[in-house]
Amino acid sequence: MLPKEKLARINALAKKAKEGSLTEAEAKEQSSLRKEYLQTFRSNMLTTLKGVTIVDPKGNDVTPNKLKVVKQDKNLH
């Protein structure tokens, strides 16, 4: 998760952008912070999904094969 300071800065820049007073340097900073946020979010989501097993009401493992492969790769590292 990103530090609270970075999240606050993302929100401040978004508010400023809505007001239409974002400088070129601030726009670059906003883009960089957004990329960092999305990278962190995706990494956290993947970690969460690697710990998930989907089971139907009968108790059968119905986890999608693509997720099973990702989970196996995790176990190899």
PDB file of N, CA and C in Angstrom:
ATOM      1  N   MET A   1       0.843  -1.174   0.000  1.00  0.00           N
ATOM      2  CA  MET A   1       0.000   0.000   0.000  1.00  0.00           C
ATOM      3  C   MET A   1       0.889   1.239   0.000  1.00  0.00           C
ATOM      4  N   LEU A   2       0.441   2.238  -0.706  1.00  0.00           N
ATOM      5  CA  LEU A   2       1.191   3.494  -0.752  1.00  0.00           C
ATOM      6  C   LEU A   2       1.065   4.224   0.580  1.00  0.00           C
ATOM      7  N   PRO A   3       2.083   4.970   0.931  1.00  0.00           N
ATOM      8  CA  PRO A   3       2.001   5.777   2.160  1.00  0.00           C
ATOM      9  C   PRO A   3       0.858   6.794   2.065  1.00  0.00           C
ATOM     10  N   LYS A   4       0.333   7.149   3.207  1.00  0.00           N
ATOM     11  CA  LYS A   4      -0.785   8.100   3.258  1.00  0.00           C
ATOM     12  C   LYS A   4      -0.438   9.428   2.608  1.00  0.00           C
ATOM     13  N   GLU A   5       0.824   9.832   2.723  1.00  0.00           N
ATOM     14  CA  GLU A   5       1.246  11.108   2.143  1.00  0.00           C
ATOM     15  C   GLU A   5       1.103  11.100   0.626  1.00  0.00           C
ATOM     16  N   LYS A   6       1.471   9.966   0.006  1.00  0.00           N
ATOM     17  CA  LYS A   6       1.362   9.869  -1.449  1.00  0.00           C
ATOM     18  C   LYS A   6      -0.102   9.835  -1.886  1.00  0.00           C
ATOM     19  N   LEU A   7      -0.929   9.109  -1.135  1.00  0.00           N
ATOM     20  CA  LEU A   7      -2.358   9.075  -1.462  1.00  0.00           C
ATOM     21  C   LEU A   7      -2.972  10.462  -1.330  1.00  0.00           C
ATOM     22  N   ALA A   8      -2.577  11.177  -0.302  1.00  0.00           N
ATOM     23  CA  ALA A   8      -3.082  12.538  -0.109  1.00  0.00           C
ATOM     24  C   ALA A   8      -2.633  13.434  -1.262  1.00  0.00           C
ATOM     25  N   ARG A   9      -1.396  13.241  -1.727  1.00  0.00           N
ATOM     26  CA  ARG A   9      -0.892  14.050  -2.837  1.00  0.00           C
ATOM     27  C   ARG A   9      -1.644  13.729  -4.131  1.00  0.00           C
ATOM     28  N   ILE A  10      -1.928  12.453  -4.362  1.00  0.00           N
ATOM     29  CA  ILE A  10      -2.716  12.050  -5.539  1.00  0.00           C
ATOM     30  C   ILE A  10      -4.069  12.743  -5.513  1.00  0.00           C
ATOM     31  N   ASN A  11      -4.709  12.728  -4.364  1.00  0.00           N
ATOM     32  CA  ASN A  11      -6.027  13.353  -4.233  1.00  0.00           C
ATOM     33  C   ASN A  11      -5.954  14.864  -4.405  1.00  0.00           C
ATOM     34  N   ALA A  12      -4.906  15.481  -3.866  1.00  0.00           N
ATOM     35  CA  ALA A  12      -4.757  16.930  -4.000  1.00  0.00           C
ATOM     36  C   ALA A  12      -4.550  17.315  -5.462  1.00  0.00           C
ATOM     37  N   LEU A  13      -3.736  16.535  -6.162  1.00  0.00           N
ATOM     38  CA  LEU A  13      -3.498  16.814  -7.579  1.00  0.00           C
ATOM     39  C   LEU A  13      -4.759  16.575  -8.408  1.00  0.00           C
ATOM     40  N   ALA A  14      -5.529  15.575  -8.060  1.00  0.00           N
ATOM     41  CA  ALA A  14      -6.783  15.308  -8.777  1.00  0.00           C
ATOM     42  C   ALA A  14      -7.757  16.471  -8.594  1.00  0.00           C
ATOM     43  N   LYS A  15      -7.836  16.972  -7.374  1.00  0.00           N
ATOM     44  CA  LYS A  15      -8.722  18.115  -7.106  1.00  0.00           C
ATOM     45  C   LYS A  15      -8.261  19.334  -7.894  1.00  0.00           C
ATOM     46  N   LYS A  16      -6.964  19.552  -7.898  1.00  0.00           N
ATOM     47  CA  LYS A  16      -6.413  20.700  -8.623  1.00  0.00           C
ATOM     48  C   LYS A  16      -6.649  20.552 -10.128  1.00  0.00           C
ATOM     49  N   ALA A  17      -6.552  19.320 -10.635  1.00  0.00           N
ATOM     50  CA  ALA A  17      -6.783  19.077 -12.060  1.00  0.00           C
ATOM     51  C   ALA A  17      -8.234  19.370 -12.433  1.00  0.00           C
ATOM     52  N   LYS A  18      -9.164  19.027 -11.550  1.00  0.00           N
ATOM     53  CA  LYS A  18     -10.578  19.311 -11.801  1.00  0.00           C
ATOM     54  C   LYS A  18     -10.836  20.807 -11.859  1.00  0.00           C
ATOM     55  N   GLU A  19     -10.064  21.540 -11.085  1.00  0.00           N
ATOM     56  CA  GLU A  19     -10.208  22.999 -11.078  1.00  0.00           C
ATOM     57  C   GLU A  19      -9.540  23.617 -12.308  1.00  0.00           C
ATOM     58  N   GLY A  20      -8.725  22.830 -13.005  1.00  0.00           N
ATOM     59  CA  GLY A  20      -8.078  23.288 -14.222  1.00  0.00           C
ATOM     60  C   GLY A  20      -6.812  24.086 -14.012  1.00  0.00           C
ATOM     61  N   SER A  21      -6.190  23.964 -12.850  1.00  0.00           N
ATOM     62  CA  SER A  21      -4.997  24.767 -12.566  1.00  0.00           C
ATOM     63  C   SER A  21      -3.755  23.912 -12.334  1.00  0.00           C
ATOM     64  N   LEU A  22      -3.663  22.796 -13.053  1.00  0.00           N
ATOM     65  CA  LEU A  22      -2.537  21.886 -12.897  1.00  0.00           C
ATOM     66  C   LEU A  22      -1.398  22.313 -13.836  1.00  0.00           C
ATOM     67  N   THR A  23      -0.205  22.487 -13.278  1.00  0.00           N
ATOM     68  CA  THR A  23       0.950  22.847 -14.099  1.00  0.00           C
ATOM     69  C   THR A  23       1.475  21.597 -14.810  1.00  0.00           C
ATOM     70  N   GLU A  24       2.373  21.784 -15.751  1.00  0.00           N
ATOM     71  CA  GLU A  24       2.946  20.656 -16.491  1.00  0.00           C
ATOM     72  C   GLU A  24       3.742  19.746 -15.544  1.00  0.00           C
ATOM     73  N   ALA A  25       4.475  20.333 -14.636  1.00  0.00           N
ATOM     74  CA  ALA A  25       5.257  19.552 -13.669  1.00  0.00           C
ATOM     75  C   ALA A  25       4.327  18.747 -12.753  1.00  0.00           C
ATOM     76  N   GLU A  26       3.233  19.359 -12.341  1.00  0.00           N
ATOM     77  CA  GLU A  26       2.270  18.655 -11.487  1.00  0.00           C
ATOM     78  C   GLU A  26       1.577  17.536 -12.255  1.00  0.00           C
ATOM     79  N   ALA A  27       1.318  17.744 -13.530  1.00  0.00           N
ATOM     80  CA  ALA A  27       0.701  16.705 -14.350  1.00  0.00           C
ATOM     81  C   ALA A  27       1.631  15.497 -14.468  1.00  0.00           C
ATOM     82  N   LYS A  28       2.928  15.746 -14.627  1.00  0.00           N
ATOM     83  CA  LYS A  28       3.901  14.648 -14.686  1.00  0.00           C
ATOM     84  C   LYS A  28       3.970  13.920 -13.347  1.00  0.00           C
ATOM     85  N   GLU A  29       3.947  14.686 -12.259  1.00  0.00           N
ATOM     86  CA  GLU A  29       3.961  14.087 -10.922  1.00  0.00           C
ATOM     87  C   GLU A  29       2.712  13.236 -10.714  1.00  0.00           C
ATOM     88  N   GLN A  30       1.567  13.756 -11.145  1.00  0.00           N
ATOM     89  CA  GLN A  30       0.310  13.027 -11.001  1.00  0.00           C
ATOM     90  C   GLN A  30       0.365  11.711 -11.777  1.00  0.00           C
ATOM     91  N   SER A  31       0.871  11.761 -12.988  1.00  0.00           N
ATOM     92  CA  SER A  31       0.983  10.563 -13.814  1.00  0.00           C
ATOM     93  C   SER A  31       1.899   9.537 -13.150  1.00  0.00           C
ATOM     94  N   SER A  32       3.017   9.988 -12.641  1.00  0.00           N
ATOM     95  CA  SER A  32       3.965   9.104 -11.976  1.00  0.00           C
ATOM     96  C   SER A  32       3.347   8.460 -10.727  1.00  0.00           C
ATOM     97  N   LEU A  33       2.665   9.269  -9.936  1.00  0.00           N
ATOM     98  CA  LEU A  33       2.025   8.745  -8.729  1.00  0.00           C
ATOM     99  C   LEU A  33       0.914   7.751  -9.064  1.00  0.00           C
ATOM    100  N   ARG A  34       0.158   8.039 -10.103  1.00  0.00           N
ATOM    101  CA  ARG A  34      -0.909   7.119 -10.519  1.00  0.00           C
ATOM    102  C   ARG A  34      -0.328   5.783 -10.964  1.00  0.00           C
ATOM    103  N   LYS A  35       0.767   5.823 -11.732  1.00  0.00           N
ATOM    104  CA  LYS A  35       1.416   4.583 -12.163  1.00  0.00           C
ATOM    105  C   LYS A  35       1.895   3.774 -10.968  1.00  0.00           C
ATOM    106  N   GLU A  36       2.491   4.452 -10.011  1.00  0.00           N
ATOM    107  CA  GLU A  36       2.973   3.767  -8.806  1.00  0.00           C
ATOM    108  C   GLU A  36       1.803   3.163  -8.034  1.00  0.00           C
ATOM    109  N   TYR A  37       0.713   3.914  -7.927  1.00  0.00           N
ATOM    110  CA  TYR A  37      -0.478   3.425  -7.219  1.00  0.00           C
ATOM    111  C   TYR A  37      -1.030   2.176  -7.908  1.00  0.00           C
ATOM    112  N   LEU A  38      -1.172   2.227  -9.231  1.00  0.00           N
ATOM    113  CA  LEU A  38      -1.724   1.087  -9.960  1.00  0.00           C
ATOM    114  C   LEU A  38      -0.818  -0.132  -9.865  1.00  0.00           C
ATOM    115  N   GLN A  39       0.486   0.072  -9.921  1.00  0.00           N
ATOM    116  CA  GLN A  39       1.422  -1.034  -9.794  1.00  0.00           C
ATOM    117  C   GLN A  39       1.279  -1.696  -8.419  1.00  0.00           C
ATOM    118  N   THR A  40       1.185  -0.895  -7.390  1.00  0.00           N
ATOM    119  CA  THR A  40       1.021  -1.416  -6.026  1.00  0.00           C
ATOM    120  C   THR A  40      -0.309  -2.142  -5.885  1.00  0.00           C
ATOM    121  N   PHE A  41      -1.373  -1.543  -6.426  1.00  0.00           N
ATOM    122  CA  PHE A  41      -2.704  -2.159  -6.358  1.00  0.00           C
ATOM    123  C   PHE A  41      -2.711  -3.511  -7.050  1.00  0.00           C
ATOM    124  N   ARG A  42      -2.155  -3.567  -8.253  1.00  0.00           N
ATOM    125  CA  ARG A  42      -2.140  -4.825  -9.006  1.00  0.00           C
ATOM    126  C   ARG A  42      -1.321  -5.895  -8.298  1.00  0.00           C
ATOM    127  N   SER A  43      -0.210  -5.506  -7.716  1.00  0.00           N
ATOM    128  CA  SER A  43       0.626  -6.450  -6.986  1.00  0.00           C
ATOM    129  C   SER A  43      -0.128  -7.017  -5.783  1.00  0.00           C
ATOM    130  N   ASN A  44      -0.800  -6.142  -5.050  1.00  0.00           N
ATOM    131  CA  ASN A  44      -1.581  -6.586  -3.888  1.00  0.00           C
ATOM    132  C   ASN A  44      -2.737  -7.488  -4.306  1.00  0.00           C
ATOM    133  N   MET A  45      -3.394  -7.151  -5.423  1.00  0.00           N
ATOM    134  CA  MET A  45      -4.513  -7.972  -5.899  1.00  0.00           C
ATOM    135  C   MET A  45      -4.025  -9.349  -6.314  1.00  0.00           C
ATOM    136  N   LEU A  46      -2.893  -9.410  -6.998  1.00  0.00           N
ATOM    137  CA  LEU A  46      -2.343 -10.700  -7.420  1.00  0.00           C
ATOM    138  C   LEU A  46      -1.980 -11.559  -6.208  1.00  0.00           C
ATOM    139  N   THR A  47      -1.395 -10.939  -5.207  1.00  0.00           N
ATOM    140  CA  THR A  47      -1.062 -11.666  -3.978  1.00  0.00           C
ATOM    141  C   THR A  47      -2.323 -12.225  -3.325  1.00  0.00           C
ATOM    142  N   THR A  48      -3.373 -11.430  -3.310  1.00  0.00           N
ATOM    143  CA  THR A  48      -4.645 -11.880  -2.743  1.00  0.00           C
ATOM    144  C   THR A  48      -5.209 -13.046  -3.546  1.00  0.00           C
ATOM    145  N   LEU A  49      -5.213 -12.918  -4.868  1.00  0.00           N
ATOM    146  CA  LEU A  49      -5.770 -13.979  -5.711  1.00  0.00           C
ATOM    147  C   LEU A  49      -4.982 -15.279  -5.607  1.00  0.00           C
ATOM    148  N   LYS A  50      -3.683 -15.180  -5.383  1.00  0.00           N
ATOM    149  CA  LYS A  50      -2.868 -16.386  -5.242  1.00  0.00           C
ATOM    150  C   LYS A  50      -3.268 -17.199  -4.020  1.00  0.00           C
ATOM    151  N   GLY A  51      -3.919 -16.560  -3.073  1.00  0.00           N
ATOM    152  CA  GLY A  51      -4.351 -17.262  -1.869  1.00  0.00           C
ATOM    153  C   GLY A  51      -5.790 -17.755  -1.924  1.00  0.00           C
ATOM    154  N   VAL A  52      -6.447 -17.585  -3.075  1.00  0.00           N
ATOM    155  CA  VAL A  52      -7.867 -17.920  -3.202  1.00  0.00           C
ATOM    156  C   VAL A  52      -8.046 -19.279  -3.874  1.00  0.00           C
ATOM    157  N   THR A  53      -8.945 -20.071  -3.328  1.00  0.00           N
ATOM    158  CA  THR A  53      -9.387 -21.307  -3.963  1.00  0.00           C
ATOM    159  C   THR A  53     -10.898 -21.231  -4.056  1.00  0.00           C
ATOM    160  N   ILE A  54     -11.428 -21.485  -5.244  1.00  0.00           N
ATOM    161  CA  ILE A  54     -12.876 -21.410  -5.450  1.00  0.00           C
ATOM    162  C   ILE A  54     -13.438 -22.817  -5.362  1.00  0.00           C
ATOM    163  N   VAL A  55     -14.449 -22.966  -4.506  1.00  0.00           N
ATOM    164  CA  VAL A  55     -15.060 -24.265  -4.272  1.00  0.00           C
ATOM    165  C   VAL A  55     -16.553 -24.156  -4.544  1.00  0.00           C
ATOM    166  N   ASP A  56     -17.111 -25.136  -5.301  1.00  0.00           N
ATOM    167  CA  ASP A  56     -18.546 -25.119  -5.569  1.00  0.00           C
ATOM    168  C   ASP A  56     -19.303 -25.691  -4.367  1.00  0.00           C
ATOM    169  N   PRO A  57     -20.632 -25.614  -4.379  1.00  0.00           N
ATOM    170  CA  PRO A  57     -21.419 -26.097  -3.222  1.00  0.00           C
ATOM    171  C   PRO A  57     -21.189 -27.570  -2.881  1.00  0.00           C
ATOM    172  N   LYS A  58     -20.728 -28.356  -3.839  1.00  0.00           N
ATOM    173  CA  LYS A  58     -20.480 -29.780  -3.584  1.00  0.00           C
ATOM    174  C   LYS A  58     -19.085 -30.029  -3.020  1.00  0.00           C
ATOM    175  N   GLY A  59     -18.294 -28.973  -2.899  1.00  0.00           N
ATOM    176  CA  GLY A  59     -16.956 -29.106  -2.337  1.00  0.00           C
ATOM    177  C   GLY A  59     -15.867 -29.357  -3.360  1.00  0.00           C
ATOM    178  N   ASN A  60     -16.210 -29.245  -4.638  1.00  0.00           N
ATOM    179  CA  ASN A  60     -15.220 -29.455  -5.699  1.00  0.00           C
ATOM    180  C   ASN A  60     -14.436 -28.174  -5.951  1.00  0.00           C
ATOM    181  N   ASP A  61     -13.155 -28.329  -6.175  1.00  0.00           N
ATOM    182  CA  ASP A  61     -12.296 -27.184  -6.496  1.00  0.00           C
ATOM    183  C   ASP A  61     -12.591 -26.767  -7.941  1.00  0.00           C
ATOM    184  N   VAL A  62     -13.128 -25.572  -8.116  1.00  0.00           N
ATOM    185  CA  VAL A  62     -13.453 -25.058  -9.454  1.00  0.00           C
ATOM    186  C   VAL A  62     -12.642 -23.800  -9.763  1.00  0.00           C
ATOM    187  N   THR A  63     -11.472 -23.697  -9.150  1.00  0.00           N
ATOM    188  CA  THR A  63     -10.571 -22.572  -9.395  1.00  0.00           C
ATOM    189  C   THR A  63     -10.182 -22.578 -10.869  1.00  0.00           C
ATOM    190  N   PRO A  64     -10.266 -21.430 -11.556  1.00  0.00           N
ATOM    191  CA  PRO A  64      -9.879 -21.386 -12.976  1.00  0.00           C
ATOM    192  C   PRO A  64      -8.441 -21.856 -13.172  1.00  0.00           C
ATOM    193  N   ASN A  65      -8.205 -22.546 -14.287  1.00  0.00           N
ATOM    194  CA  ASN A  65      -6.871 -23.091 -14.570  1.00  0.00           C
ATOM    195  C   ASN A  65      -5.805 -22.007 -14.600  1.00  0.00           C
ATOM    196  N   LYS A  66      -6.139 -20.848 -15.135  1.00  0.00           N
ATOM    197  CA  LYS A  66      -5.162 -19.763 -15.213  1.00  0.00           C
ATOM    198  C   LYS A  66      -4.672 -19.382 -13.810  1.00  0.00           C
ATOM    199  N   LEU A  67      -5.573 -19.342 -12.846  1.00  0.00           N
ATOM    200  CA  LEU A  67      -5.200 -19.016 -11.477  1.00  0.00           C
ATOM    201  C   LEU A  67      -4.393 -20.153 -10.848  1.00  0.00           C
ATOM    202  N   LYS A  68      -4.749 -21.388 -11.169  1.00  0.00           N
ATOM    203  CA  LYS A  68      -3.982 -22.526 -10.650  1.00  0.00           C
ATOM    204  C   LYS A  68      -2.534 -22.470 -11.119  1.00  0.00           C
ATOM    205  N   VAL A  69      -2.323 -22.090 -12.388  1.00  0.00           N
ATOM    206  CA  VAL A  69      -0.970 -21.988 -12.931  1.00  0.00           C
ATOM    207  C   VAL A  69      -0.195 -20.900 -12.196  1.00  0.00           C
ATOM    208  N   VAL A  70      -0.830 -19.763 -11.952  1.00  0.00           N
ATOM    209  CA  VAL A  70      -0.175 -18.662 -11.241  1.00  0.00           C
ATOM    210  C   VAL A  70       0.185 -19.110  -9.827  1.00  0.00           C
ATOM    211  N   LYS A  71      -0.695 -19.861  -9.186  1.00  0.00           N
ATOM    212  CA  LYS A  71      -0.434 -20.340  -7.831  1.00  0.00           C
ATOM    213  C   LYS A  71       0.742 -21.326  -7.824  1.00  0.00           C
ATOM    214  N   GLN A  72       0.838 -22.176  -8.845  1.00  0.00           N
ATOM    215  CA  GLN A  72       1.937 -23.128  -8.938  1.00  0.00           C
ATOM    216  C   GLN A  72       3.262 -22.396  -9.140  1.00  0.00           C
ATOM    217  N   ASP A  73       3.245 -21.351  -9.963  1.00  0.00           N
ATOM    218  CA  ASP A  73       4.460 -20.562 -10.179  1.00  0.00           C
ATOM    219  C   ASP A  73       4.924 -19.939  -8.860  1.00  0.00           C
ATOM    220  N   LYS A  74       3.984 -19.505  -8.037  1.00  0.00           N
ATOM    221  CA  LYS A  74       4.320 -18.910  -6.746  1.00  0.00           C
ATOM    222  C   LYS A  74       5.010 -19.944  -5.863  1.00  0.00           C
ATOM    223  N   ASN A  75       4.522 -21.174  -5.917  1.00  0.00           N
ATOM    224  CA  ASN A  75       5.089 -22.221  -5.075  1.00  0.00           C
ATOM    225  C   ASN A  75       6.495 -22.623  -5.517  1.00  0.00           C
ATOM    226  N   LEU A  76       6.822 -22.384  -6.782  1.00  0.00           N
ATOM    227  CA  LEU A  76       8.154 -22.730  -7.273  1.00  0.00           C
ATOM    228  C   LEU A  76       9.206 -21.737  -6.818  1.00  0.00           C
ATOM    229  N   HIS A  77       8.812 -20.514  -6.506  1.00  0.00           N
ATOM    230  CA  HIS A  77       9.772 -19.473  -6.116  1.00  0.00           C
ATOM    231  C   HIS A  77      10.031 -19.471  -4.651  1.00  0.00           C
TER     232      HIS A  77
END
